[in-house]
Amino acid sequence: MKKKTLAITPKLGLHARPASLFVQTSSRFQADVKVSKLMDGEEVVVNGKSVMGLMMLAAAFGEKVQITVDGPDEEAALAKIEELFRKKFDED
């Protein structure tokens, strides 16, 4: 299991387009992908392969989310997800 905390990089937050890119990327791997965020003092965990789940987090620009990847290709999956964040989900 690999974990990484990342800051949301798209200026409009994790809205439909970046959430869709996240799901497209994570769905290419066998590993389970979970995304969590603190909301009202509680940790909310959603499936990283669900657009609706990701949008439910309402993660705004600069907020931190924790990515947890668990499975046979977890390192490759996490590397591709980190690349999305570094590239700001291609929104620049």
Foldseek 3Di string as FASTA:
>chain_A
DDKDKDFQQAQAGCDQLNLVVQLVLLVVDPKWKWKWAQDPNDIDIDTSNDSVRSVVVVHHGGGMIMIDTDDDCRVVSVVVNVVCRVCSVVPD
